[in-house]
C-alpha atoms as a PDB file:
ATOM      1  CA  MET A   1      56.584 222.263 110.232  1.00  0.00           C
ATOM      2  CA  PHE A   2      59.241 219.565 110.172  1.00  0.00           C
ATOM      3  CA  LEU A   3      60.954 221.217 107.196  1.00  0.00           C
ATOM      4  CA  ALA A   4      60.923 224.590 108.928  1.00  0.00           C
ATOM      5  CA  ARG A   5      62.297 223.219 112.193  1.00  0.00           C
ATOM      6  CA  THR A   6      64.833 220.754 110.844  1.00  0.00           C
ATOM      7  CA  VAL A   7      66.177 222.324 107.673  1.00  0.00           C
ATOM      8  CA  PHE A   8      65.670 226.055 108.122  1.00  0.00           C
ATOM      9  CA  HIS A   9      65.675 226.274 111.946  1.00  0.00           C
ATOM     10  CA  CYS A  10      62.705 228.616 112.054  1.00  0.00           C
ATOM     11  CA  SER A  11      58.984 228.541 112.766  1.00  0.00           C
ATOM     12  CA  ALA A  12      56.394 227.467 110.221  1.00  0.00           C
ATOM     13  CA  PHE A  13      55.136 231.062 110.113  1.00  0.00           C
ATOM     14  CA  GLU A  14      58.612 232.357 109.279  1.00  0.00           C
ATOM     15  CA  LEU A  15      59.336 229.766 106.568  1.00  0.00           C
ATOM     16  CA  PRO A  16      57.507 231.513 103.665  1.00  0.00           C
ATOM     17  CA  TYR A  17      59.714 234.568 104.220  1.00  0.00           C
ATOM     18  CA  ARG A  18      62.897 232.483 104.048  1.00  0.00           C
ATOM     19  CA  ILE A  19      62.318 230.361 100.930  1.00  0.00           C
ATOM     20  CA  THR A  20      60.526 230.733  97.620  1.00  0.00           C
ATOM     21  CA  ASN A  21      57.697 228.532  96.369  1.00  0.00           C
ATOM     22  CA  GLU A  22      60.119 226.950  93.884  1.00  0.00           C
ATOM     23  CA  GLU A  23      62.569 226.013  96.632  1.00  0.00           C
ATOM     24  CA  PHE A  24      59.733 224.616  98.759  1.00  0.00           C
ATOM     25  CA  THR A  25      58.632 222.489  95.781  1.00  0.00           C
ATOM     26  CA  LEU A  26      62.197 221.183  95.389  1.00  0.00           C
ATOM     27  CA  TRP A  27      62.355 220.280  99.093  1.00  0.00           C
ATOM     28  CA  MET A  28      59.033 218.454  98.856  1.00  0.00           C
ATOM     29  CA  ALA A  29      60.306 216.507  95.827  1.00  0.00           C
ATOM     30  CA  GLU A  30      63.465 215.619  97.788  1.00  0.00           C
ATOM     31  CA  TYR A  31      61.334 214.362 100.670  1.00  0.00           C
ATOM     32  CA  ASP A  32      59.216 212.267  98.282  1.00  0.00           C
ATOM     33  CA  GLN A  33      62.401 210.698  96.892  1.00  0.00           C
ATOM     34  CA  ARG A  34      64.196 210.155 100.211  1.00  0.00           C
ATOM     35  CA  PRO A  35      61.988 210.696 103.276  1.00  0.00           C
ATOM     36  CA  TRP A  36      63.723 211.718 106.454  1.00  0.00           C
ATOM     37  CA  GLY A  37      62.584 212.418 109.905  1.00  0.00           C
ATOM     38  CA  ASP A  38      61.901 209.657 112.378  1.00  0.00           C
ATOM     39  CA  GLU A  39      64.850 210.386 114.651  1.00  0.00           C
ATOM     40  CA  TRP A  40      63.475 208.234 117.467  1.00  0.00           C
ATOM     41  CA  LEU A  41      63.347 205.199 115.193  1.00  0.00           C
ATOM     42  CA  GLN A  42      66.886 205.905 113.997  1.00  0.00           C
ATOM     43  CA  THR A  43      68.122 206.336 117.562  1.00  0.00           C
ATOM     44  CA  GLY A  44      66.269 203.219 118.693  1.00  0.00           C
ATOM     45  CA  THR A  45      67.744 201.192 115.833  1.00  0.00           C
ATOM     46  CA  ILE A  46      71.286 202.288 116.662  1.00  0.00           C
ATOM     47  CA  THR A  47      70.774 201.660 120.379  1.00  0.00           C
ATOM     48  CA  ALA A  48      69.308 198.199 119.748  1.00  0.00           C
ATOM     49  CA  ALA A  49      72.219 197.327 117.446  1.00  0.00           C
ATOM     50  CA  VAL A  50      74.774 198.366 120.078  1.00  0.00           C
ATOM     51  CA  VAL A  51      73.002 196.562 122.931  1.00  0.00           C
ATOM     52  CA  ASN A  52      72.387 193.409 120.902  1.00  0.00           C
ATOM     53  CA  SER A  53      76.019 193.246 119.746  1.00  0.00           C
ATOM     54  CA  ASN A  54      77.346 193.291 123.331  1.00  0.00           C
ATOM     55  CA  PRO A  55      78.520 189.715 124.044  1.00  0.00           C
ATOM     56  CA  TYR A  56      78.649 190.317 127.817  1.00  0.00           C
ATOM     57  CA  ARG A  57      75.056 191.400 128.418  1.00  0.00           C
ATOM     58  CA  LYS A  58      73.124 189.365 130.968  1.00  0.00           C
ATOM     59  CA  LYS A  59      69.858 189.014 129.067  1.00  0.00           C
ATOM     60  CA  LYS A  60      70.189 186.765 126.046  1.00  0.00           C
ATOM     61  CA  ARG A  61      67.036 188.051 124.360  1.00  0.00           C
ATOM     62  CA  GLY A  62      67.771 191.020 122.127  1.00  0.00           C
ATOM     63  CA  ILE A  63      65.928 194.305 122.291  1.00  0.00           C
ATOM     64  CA  LYS A  64      63.892 195.943 119.546  1.00  0.00           C
ATOM     65  CA  PRO A  65      64.219 199.606 118.541  1.00  0.00           C
ATOM     66  CA  THR A  66      60.743 200.249 119.958  1.00  0.00           C
ATOM     67  CA  ASP A  67      61.915 199.008 123.389  1.00  0.00           C
ATOM     68  CA  VAL A  68      64.007 202.174 123.821  1.00  0.00           C
ATOM     69  CA  MET A  69      61.693 204.662 122.092  1.00  0.00           C
ATOM     70  CA  PRO A  70      59.321 207.009 123.907  1.00  0.00           C
ATOM     71  CA  GLY A  71      55.806 205.700 123.548  1.00  0.00           C
ATOM     72  CA  GLY A  72      57.120 202.277 122.598  1.00  0.00           C
ATOM     73  CA  ARG A  73      56.598 200.857 126.077  1.00  0.00           C
ATOM     74  CA  SER A  74      55.369 197.323 126.059  1.00  0.00           C
ATOM     75  CA  ARG A  75      55.831 196.889 129.805  1.00  0.00           C
ATOM     76  CA  ARG A  76      53.153 197.780 132.332  1.00  0.00           C
ATOM     77  CA  TRP A  77      53.313 200.994 134.310  1.00  0.00           C
ATOM     78  CA  GLN A  78      54.225 200.842 137.994  1.00  0.00           C
ATOM     79  CA  SER A  79      51.428 201.254 140.481  1.00  0.00           C
ATOM     80  CA  ASP A  80      51.465 204.128 142.986  1.00  0.00           C
ATOM     81  CA  ASP A  81      52.345 201.686 145.776  1.00  0.00           C
ATOM     82  CA  GLU A  82      55.315 200.320 143.804  1.00  0.00           C
ATOM     83  CA  ILE A  83      56.593 203.829 143.119  1.00  0.00           C
ATOM     84  CA  ARG A  84      56.159 204.842 146.769  1.00  0.00           C
ATOM     85  CA  SER A  85      57.944 201.690 147.953  1.00  0.00           C
ATOM     86  CA  GLY A  86      60.827 202.275 145.548  1.00  0.00           C
ATOM     87  CA  LEU A  87      61.210 205.887 146.645  1.00  0.00           C
ATOM     88  CA  ASP A  88      61.063 204.910 150.319  1.00  0.00           C
ATOM     89  CA  SER A  89      63.844 202.359 149.745  1.00  0.00           C
ATOM     90  CA  PHE A  90      65.930 204.889 147.819  1.00  0.00           C
ATOM     91  CA  PHE A  91      65.691 207.582 150.486  1.00  0.00           C
ATOM     92  CA  ALA A  92      66.250 205.089 153.327  1.00  0.00           C
ATOM     93  CA  ALA A  93      69.464 203.938 151.636  1.00  0.00           C
ATOM     94  CA  ARG A  94      70.606 207.560 151.175  1.00  0.00           C
ATOM     95  CA  LYS A  95      69.868 208.338 154.826  1.00  0.00           C
ATOM     96  CA  ALA A  96      71.757 205.230 155.968  1.00  0.00           C
ATOM     97  CA  ALA A  97      74.733 206.217 153.819  1.00  0.00           C
ATOM     98  CA  ALA A  98      74.697 209.767 155.199  1.00  0.00           C
ATOM     99  CA  ASP A  99      74.434 208.485 158.787  1.00  0.00           C
ATOM    100  CA  GLY A 100      77.355 206.120 158.156  1.00  0.00           C
ATOM    101  CA  LYS A 101      79.513 209.007 156.936  1.00  0.00           C
ATOM    102  CA  LYS A 102      78.610 211.079 160.006  1.00  0.00           C
ATOM    103  CA  ARG A 103      79.533 208.203 162.349  1.00  0.00           C
ATOM    104  CA  LYS A 104      82.801 207.631 160.500  1.00  0.00           C
ATOM    105  CA  ARG A 105      83.759 211.323 160.810  1.00  0.00           C
ATOM    106  CA  GLY A 106      82.835 211.276 164.499  1.00  0.00           C
ATOM    107  CA  ASN A 107      85.231 208.376 165.198  1.00  0.00           C
ATOM    108  CA  ASP A 108      88.235 210.023 163.544  1.00  0.00           C
END
């Protein structure tokens, strides 16, 4: 499926109609020689390299590629109360900002 999606941009059902058995065998040999595919690991590695090379970042501990990958969460999930509290704070701040703009327009 990965070969169909990534190389031929088609479904796995459509792939046999696009390539021959010989070409499929060549692609499989290429993959055995030089595997490709884990884009999230590649993206995480690049992101970690950029973040860790920033001399002005506040945290001195570097990050790992898995820190920025989906499913690579090592931190705990927020509880429902924490999420609710965060959303309440967010919307209260937005309301206060909107009210401040209304008052400012009213004084002009």
